[in-house]
C-alpha atoms as a PDB file:
ATOM      1  CA  MET A   1      49.054 106.982 132.311  1.00  0.00           C
ATOM      2  CA  ARG A   2      46.363 104.938 130.657  1.00  0.00           C
ATOM      3  CA  GLY A   3      48.036 101.809 129.382  1.00  0.00           C
ATOM      4  CA  ALA A   4      51.296 100.032 130.005  1.00  0.00           C
ATOM      5  CA  ALA A   5      52.359  97.132 127.832  1.00  0.00           C
ATOM      6  CA  GLY A   6      54.818  94.907 129.679  1.00  0.00           C
ATOM      7  CA  ASN A   7      56.992  92.431 127.847  1.00  0.00           C
ATOM      8  CA  CYS A   8      59.584  89.960 129.111  1.00  0.00           C
ATOM      9  CA  ARG A   9      61.289  86.798 128.018  1.00  0.00           C
ATOM     10  CA  PRO A  10      59.480  83.471 128.450  1.00  0.00           C
ATOM     11  CA  TYR A  11      62.035  82.178 130.960  1.00  0.00           C
ATOM     12  CA  ARG A  12      63.898  83.716 133.853  1.00  0.00           C
ATOM     13  CA  ASP A  13      67.352  85.156 133.243  1.00  0.00           C
ATOM     14  CA  GLN A  14      69.326  88.241 134.272  1.00  0.00           C
ATOM     15  CA  GLN A  15      67.789  90.494 131.617  1.00  0.00           C
ATOM     16  CA  ASP A  16      64.301  89.241 132.418  1.00  0.00           C
ATOM     17  CA  SER A  17      64.761  89.897 136.134  1.00  0.00           C
ATOM     18  CA  VAL A  18      66.023  93.422 135.478  1.00  0.00           C
ATOM     19  CA  SER A  19      63.286  94.253 132.980  1.00  0.00           C
ATOM     20  CA  ARG A  20      60.701  93.237 135.555  1.00  0.00           C
ATOM     21  CA  GLN A  21      62.448  95.292 138.255  1.00  0.00           C
ATOM     22  CA  LEU A  22      62.495  98.355 136.035  1.00  0.00           C
ATOM     23  CA  THR A  23      58.859  97.934 135.048  1.00  0.00           C
ATOM     24  CA  GLN A  24      57.728  97.572 138.660  1.00  0.00           C
ATOM     25  CA  GLN A  25      59.791 100.580 139.719  1.00  0.00           C
ATOM     26  CA  PHE A  26      58.417 102.712 136.885  1.00  0.00           C
ATOM     27  CA  ILE A  27      54.808 101.801 137.699  1.00  0.00           C
ATOM     28  CA  SER A  28      55.298 102.461 141.419  1.00  0.00           C
ATOM     29  CA  GLN A  29      56.929 105.826 140.825  1.00  0.00           C
ATOM     30  CA  TRP A  30      54.369 106.819 138.203  1.00  0.00           C
ATOM     31  CA  GLN A  31      51.477 105.918 140.525  1.00  0.00           C
ATOM     32  CA  ALA A  32      53.033 107.996 143.291  1.00  0.00           C
ATOM     33  CA  ALA A  33      53.396 111.008 140.986  1.00  0.00           C
ATOM     34  CA  HIS A  34      50.077 110.517 139.135  1.00  0.00           C
ATOM     35  CA  PRO A  35      47.708 108.812 141.607  1.00  0.00           C
ATOM     36  CA  ALA A  36      44.607 109.487 139.490  1.00  0.00           C
ATOM     37  CA  ASP A  37      45.965 107.726 136.400  1.00  0.00           C
ATOM     38  CA  GLU A  38      44.627 104.341 135.352  1.00  0.00           C
ATOM     39  CA  ILE A  39      47.300 101.765 134.497  1.00  0.00           C
ATOM     40  CA  THR A  40      46.792  98.692 132.332  1.00  0.00           C
ATOM     41  CA  VAL A  41      49.527  96.041 132.406  1.00  0.00           C
ATOM     42  CA  ARG A  42      49.806  93.376 129.746  1.00  0.00           C
ATOM     43  CA  ASP A  43      52.499  90.758 130.425  1.00  0.00           C
ATOM     44  CA  LEU A  44      53.292  89.081 127.120  1.00  0.00           C
ATOM     45  CA  ALA A  45      55.406  86.394 128.764  1.00  0.00           C
ATOM     46  CA  ILE A  46      52.541  85.140 130.903  1.00  0.00           C
ATOM     47  CA  ASN A  47      49.885  85.785 128.248  1.00  0.00           C
ATOM     48  CA  PRO A  48      51.591  85.826 124.838  1.00  0.00           C
ATOM     49  CA  VAL A  49      49.629  86.713 121.739  1.00  0.00           C
ATOM     50  CA  PRO A  50      49.835  84.514 118.622  1.00  0.00           C
ATOM     51  CA  HIS A  51      52.229  85.480 115.885  1.00  0.00           C
ATOM     52  CA  LEU A  52      50.870  86.975 112.693  1.00  0.00           C
ATOM     53  CA  ASP A  53      49.408  84.232 110.500  1.00  0.00           C
ATOM     54  CA  SER A  54      46.778  83.593 107.846  1.00  0.00           C
ATOM     55  CA  THR A  55      44.068  83.330 110.500  1.00  0.00           C
ATOM     56  CA  LEU A  56      44.587  86.876 111.706  1.00  0.00           C
ATOM     57  CA  LEU A  57      45.005  88.131 108.148  1.00  0.00           C
ATOM     58  CA  GLY A  58      41.692  86.490 107.289  1.00  0.00           C
ATOM     59  CA  GLY A  59      40.058  88.201 110.240  1.00  0.00           C
ATOM     60  CA  TRP A  60      41.361  91.559 109.051  1.00  0.00           C
ATOM     61  CA  MET A  61      40.618  91.223 105.354  1.00  0.00           C
ATOM     62  CA  LYS A  62      37.442  89.195 105.041  1.00  0.00           C
ATOM     63  CA  ALA A  63      33.951  90.595 105.305  1.00  0.00           C
ATOM     64  CA  ALA A  64      32.170  89.695 108.540  1.00  0.00           C
ATOM     65  CA  GLU A  65      29.914  87.122 106.891  1.00  0.00           C
ATOM     66  CA  GLN A  66      32.913  85.389 105.312  1.00  0.00           C
ATOM     67  CA  ARG A  67      34.978  84.929 108.491  1.00  0.00           C
ATOM     68  CA  ASN A  68      35.025  81.592 110.240  1.00  0.00           C
ATOM     69  CA  GLU A  69      34.893  81.386 114.037  1.00  0.00           C
ATOM     70  CA  ILE A  70      38.684  81.196 114.487  1.00  0.00           C
ATOM     71  CA  GLU A  71      39.252  84.213 112.249  1.00  0.00           C
ATOM     72  CA  GLN A  72      36.624  86.166 114.176  1.00  0.00           C
ATOM     73  CA  GLN A  73      38.332  85.311 117.467  1.00  0.00           C
ATOM     74  CA  ALA A  74      41.692  86.417 116.052  1.00  0.00           C
ATOM     75  CA  LEU A  75      40.170  89.711 114.945  1.00  0.00           C
ATOM     76  CA  GLU A  76      38.576  90.301 118.342  1.00  0.00           C
ATOM     77  CA  ARG A  77      41.922  89.669 120.066  1.00  0.00           C
ATOM     78  CA  SER A  78      43.644  92.150 117.771  1.00  0.00           C
ATOM     79  CA  ASN A  79      40.842  94.667 118.358  1.00  0.00           C
ATOM     80  CA  GLN A  80      41.285  94.360 122.121  1.00  0.00           C
ATOM     81  CA  LEU A  81      45.028  94.968 121.908  1.00  0.00           C
ATOM     82  CA  THR A  82      44.587  97.866 119.524  1.00  0.00           C
ATOM     83  CA  ASP A  83      41.831  99.428 121.640  1.00  0.00           C
ATOM     84  CA  GLU A  84      44.158  99.328 124.672  1.00  0.00           C
ATOM     85  CA  LEU A  85      46.861 101.142 122.736  1.00  0.00           C
ATOM     86  CA  VAL A  86      44.519 103.738 121.235  1.00  0.00           C
ATOM     87  CA  ALA A  87      43.039 104.499 124.676  1.00  0.00           C
ATOM     88  CA  SER A  88      46.431 105.004 126.310  1.00  0.00           C
ATOM     89  CA  ASP A  89      48.153 108.348 126.760  1.00  0.00           C
ATOM     90  CA  VAL A  90      51.508 106.850 127.743  1.00  0.00           C
ATOM     91  CA  LEU A  91      52.934 103.556 126.524  1.00  0.00           C
ATOM     92  CA  VAL A  92      55.609 101.686 128.481  1.00  0.00           C
ATOM     93  CA  LEU A  93      57.438  98.802 126.824  1.00  0.00           C
ATOM     94  CA  ALA A  94      59.819  96.566 128.780  1.00  0.00           C
ATOM     95  CA  ALA A  95      62.041  94.755 126.310  1.00  0.00           C
ATOM     96  CA  PRO A  96      65.077  92.677 127.277  1.00  0.00           C
ATOM     97  CA  MET A  97      67.523  92.356 124.401  1.00  0.00           C
ATOM     98  CA  TYR A  98      67.119  88.983 122.738  1.00  0.00           C
ATOM     99  CA  ASN A  99      69.834  88.215 120.160  1.00  0.00           C
ATOM    100  CA  PHE A 100      70.451  91.927 119.514  1.00  0.00           C
ATOM    101  CA  ALA A 101      66.753  92.695 119.005  1.00  0.00           C
ATOM    102  CA  ILE A 102      63.348  92.556 120.701  1.00  0.00           C
ATOM    103  CA  PRO A 103      61.698  89.339 121.924  1.00  0.00           C
ATOM    104  CA  SER A 104      59.383  87.670 119.425  1.00  0.00           C
ATOM    105  CA  THR A 105      56.501  88.118 121.867  1.00  0.00           C
ATOM    106  CA  LEU A 106      56.819  91.900 121.572  1.00  0.00           C
ATOM    107  CA  LYS A 107      57.071  91.639 117.785  1.00  0.00           C
ATOM    108  CA  ALA A 108      53.829  89.610 117.786  1.00  0.00           C
ATOM    109  CA  TRP A 109      52.101  92.336 119.824  1.00  0.00           C
ATOM    110  CA  LEU A 110      53.304  94.981 117.388  1.00  0.00           C
ATOM    111  CA  ASP A 111      51.978  92.922 114.474  1.00  0.00           C
ATOM    112  CA  HIS A 112      48.536  92.977 116.109  1.00  0.00           C
ATOM    113  CA  VAL A 113      48.424  96.728 116.745  1.00  0.00           C
ATOM    114  CA  LEU A 114      49.991  98.150 113.586  1.00  0.00           C
ATOM    115  CA  ARG A 115      46.643  98.298 111.799  1.00  0.00           C
ATOM    116  CA  ALA A 116      45.961 100.178 108.576  1.00  0.00           C
ATOM    117  CA  GLY A 117      43.001 102.472 109.076  1.00  0.00           C
ATOM    118  CA  VAL A 118      43.249 102.168 112.869  1.00  0.00           C
ATOM    119  CA  THR A 119      46.740 103.120 114.065  1.00  0.00           C
ATOM    120  CA  PHE A 120      48.024 104.405 110.706  1.00  0.00           C
ATOM    121  CA  LYS A 121      46.609 105.207 107.285  1.00  0.00           C
ATOM    122  CA  TYR A 122      47.861 105.570 103.737  1.00  0.00           C
ATOM    123  CA  GLY A 123      47.496 108.985 102.131  1.00  0.00           C
ATOM    124  CA  GLU A 124      48.690 110.791  99.050  1.00  0.00           C
ATOM    125  CA  THR A 125      52.096 111.395 100.646  1.00  0.00           C
ATOM    126  CA  GLY A 126      52.441 107.870 102.065  1.00  0.00           C
ATOM    127  CA  PRO A 127      51.669 106.333 105.474  1.00  0.00           C
ATOM    128  CA  GLN A 128      50.540 108.598 108.296  1.00  0.00           C
ATOM    129  CA  GLY A 129      50.468 107.651 111.981  1.00  0.00           C
ATOM    130  CA  LEU A 130      47.163 108.113 113.771  1.00  0.00           C
ATOM    131  CA  LEU A 131      48.393 107.888 117.381  1.00  0.00           C
ATOM    132  CA  THR A 132      49.829 111.383 117.645  1.00  0.00           C
ATOM    133  CA  GLY A 133      50.025 113.088 121.021  1.00  0.00           C
ATOM    134  CA  LYS A 134      51.143 109.988 122.924  1.00  0.00           C
ATOM    135  CA  ARG A 135      54.416 109.377 124.758  1.00  0.00           C
ATOM    136  CA  ALA A 136      56.350 106.136 125.028  1.00  0.00           C
ATOM    137  CA  TYR A 137      59.010 104.868 127.410  1.00  0.00           C
ATOM    138  CA  VAL A 138      61.062 101.810 126.488  1.00  0.00           C
ATOM    139  CA  LEU A 139      62.890  99.986 129.281  1.00  0.00           C
ATOM    140  CA  THR A 140      65.579  97.647 127.966  1.00  0.00           C
ATOM    141  CA  ALA A 141      67.804  95.116 129.724  1.00  0.00           C
ATOM    142  CA  ARG A 142      70.977  94.019 127.943  1.00  0.00           C
ATOM    143  CA  GLY A 143      73.765  91.594 128.746  1.00  0.00           C
ATOM    144  CA  GLY A 144      76.360  93.729 126.958  1.00  0.00           C
ATOM    145  CA  ILE A 145      76.764  97.398 126.056  1.00  0.00           C
ATOM    146  CA  TYR A 146      75.128  98.191 122.726  1.00  0.00           C
ATOM    147  CA  ALA A 147      73.606 101.691 122.880  1.00  0.00           C
ATOM    148  CA  GLY A 148      74.637 103.673 119.814  1.00  0.00           C
ATOM    149  CA  SER A 149      76.397 100.719 118.158  1.00  0.00           C
ATOM    150  CA  SER A 150      75.581  98.893 114.930  1.00  0.00           C
ATOM    151  CA  LEU A 151      74.629  95.835 117.003  1.00  0.00           C
ATOM    152  CA  ASP A 152      71.678  97.608 118.601  1.00  0.00           C
ATOM    153  CA  HIS A 153      68.643  96.543 116.573  1.00  0.00           C
ATOM    154  CA  GLN A 154      66.212  97.322 119.383  1.00  0.00           C
ATOM    155  CA  GLU A 155      66.145 101.097 119.611  1.00  0.00           C
ATOM    156  CA  PRO A 156      66.224 101.900 115.858  1.00  0.00           C
ATOM    157  CA  TYR A 157      63.477  99.372 115.124  1.00  0.00           C
ATOM    158  CA  LEU A 158      61.197 100.459 117.961  1.00  0.00           C
ATOM    159  CA  ARG A 159      61.676 104.132 117.117  1.00  0.00           C
ATOM    160  CA  GLN A 160      60.700 103.344 113.537  1.00  0.00           C
ATOM    161  CA  VAL A 161      57.558 101.319 114.297  1.00  0.00           C
ATOM    162  CA  LEU A 162      56.372 103.696 117.029  1.00  0.00           C
ATOM    163  CA  GLY A 163      56.972 106.664 114.755  1.00  0.00           C
ATOM    164  CA  PHE A 164      55.096 104.844 111.990  1.00  0.00           C
ATOM    165  CA  VAL A 165      51.916 104.975 114.086  1.00  0.00           C
ATOM    166  CA  GLY A 166      52.569 108.569 115.144  1.00  0.00           C
ATOM    167  CA  ILE A 167      54.379 108.134 118.477  1.00  0.00           C
ATOM    168  CA  HIS A 168      57.525 110.238 118.157  1.00  0.00           C
ATOM    169  CA  ASP A 169      58.045 111.252 121.787  1.00  0.00           C
ATOM    170  CA  VAL A 170      59.975 108.130 122.806  1.00  0.00           C
ATOM    171  CA  THR A 171      62.420 107.854 125.720  1.00  0.00           C
ATOM    172  CA  PHE A 172      64.728 104.835 125.990  1.00  0.00           C
ATOM    173  CA  ILE A 173      66.141 103.728 129.322  1.00  0.00           C
ATOM    174  CA  HIS A 174      68.856 101.114 128.869  1.00  0.00           C
ATOM    175  CA  ALA A 175      70.192  98.858 131.615  1.00  0.00           C
ATOM    176  CA  GLU A 176      73.365  97.534 129.989  1.00  0.00           C
ATOM    177  CA  GLY A 177      76.320  95.329 130.840  1.00  0.00           C
ATOM    178  CA  LEU A 178      74.226  93.017 132.997  1.00  0.00           C
ATOM    179  CA  ASN A 179      76.177  89.870 132.092  1.00  0.00           C
ATOM    180  CA  MET A 180      79.649  91.392 131.895  1.00  0.00           C
ATOM    181  CA  GLY A 181      80.663  90.783 135.490  1.00  0.00           C
ATOM    182  CA  GLY A 182      82.497  93.090 137.845  1.00  0.00           C
ATOM    183  CA  ASP A 183      80.855  96.441 138.463  1.00  0.00           C
ATOM    184  CA  PHE A 184      79.015  96.514 135.137  1.00  0.00           C
ATOM    185  CA  LEU A 185      75.802  95.002 136.523  1.00  0.00           C
ATOM    186  CA  GLU A 186      75.550  97.416 139.434  1.00  0.00           C
ATOM    187  CA  LYS A 187      76.501 100.410 137.304  1.00  0.00           C
ATOM    188  CA  GLY A 188      74.076  99.552 134.507  1.00  0.00           C
ATOM    189  CA  LEU A 189      71.214  98.943 136.897  1.00  0.00           C
ATOM    190  CA  ASN A 190      71.855 102.072 138.965  1.00  0.00           C
ATOM    191  CA  GLN A 191      72.049 104.268 135.872  1.00  0.00           C
ATOM    192  CA  ALA A 192      68.758 102.900 134.559  1.00  0.00           C
ATOM    193  CA  LYS A 193      67.013 103.330 137.923  1.00  0.00           C
ATOM    194  CA  ALA A 194      68.277 106.909 138.245  1.00  0.00           C
ATOM    195  CA  LYS A 195      66.897 107.805 134.827  1.00  0.00           C
ATOM    196  CA  LEU A 196      63.617 106.087 135.656  1.00  0.00           C
ATOM    197  CA  ALA A 197      63.241 108.248 138.746  1.00  0.00           C
ATOM    198  CA  GLN A 198      63.735 111.366 136.617  1.00  0.00           C
ATOM    199  CA  VAL A 199      61.134 110.538 133.972  1.00  0.00           C
ATOM    200  CA  ALA A 200      58.472 108.995 136.208  1.00  0.00           C
END
């Protein structure tokens, strides 16, 4: 696996703790099964990337001689993130559910790496993803049980954006019911860990 993008919430809570547990377990099991693979971890909670703004847009759209220093720095940051993704064979996203969707830090990362001409292109038949041949694993942590329901805006969105850049082999591993009390926490965590062991 060349490349693992880790994402968690900016403060500690049950979902955050579980998403970190799942990420660490996945990396450990993957390293054991694929000891020669190089793994890159990017923690967006510790080192968040700026949200999409006019500075980054200027860095993308202006000619080199027209960019100011801040726009050039924004472009270089986006290039670094995109280069990491392009170089990876397997992408791992850890995404606790935040108000029925993904954390804004993960959305900001996606806004940096969905790049026309780099990770997708426009053709005569519409957009075409350029990152074909990659696999992705998405580890989610959720307070309730949402898989397959209309309240789940994580999985459909991430499947769409990953497919947009050509990543269609996507496996979701949900740890659900973490804040529901009783046996839900243990059951949700055990189910997620068992599936992790299978895929890693």
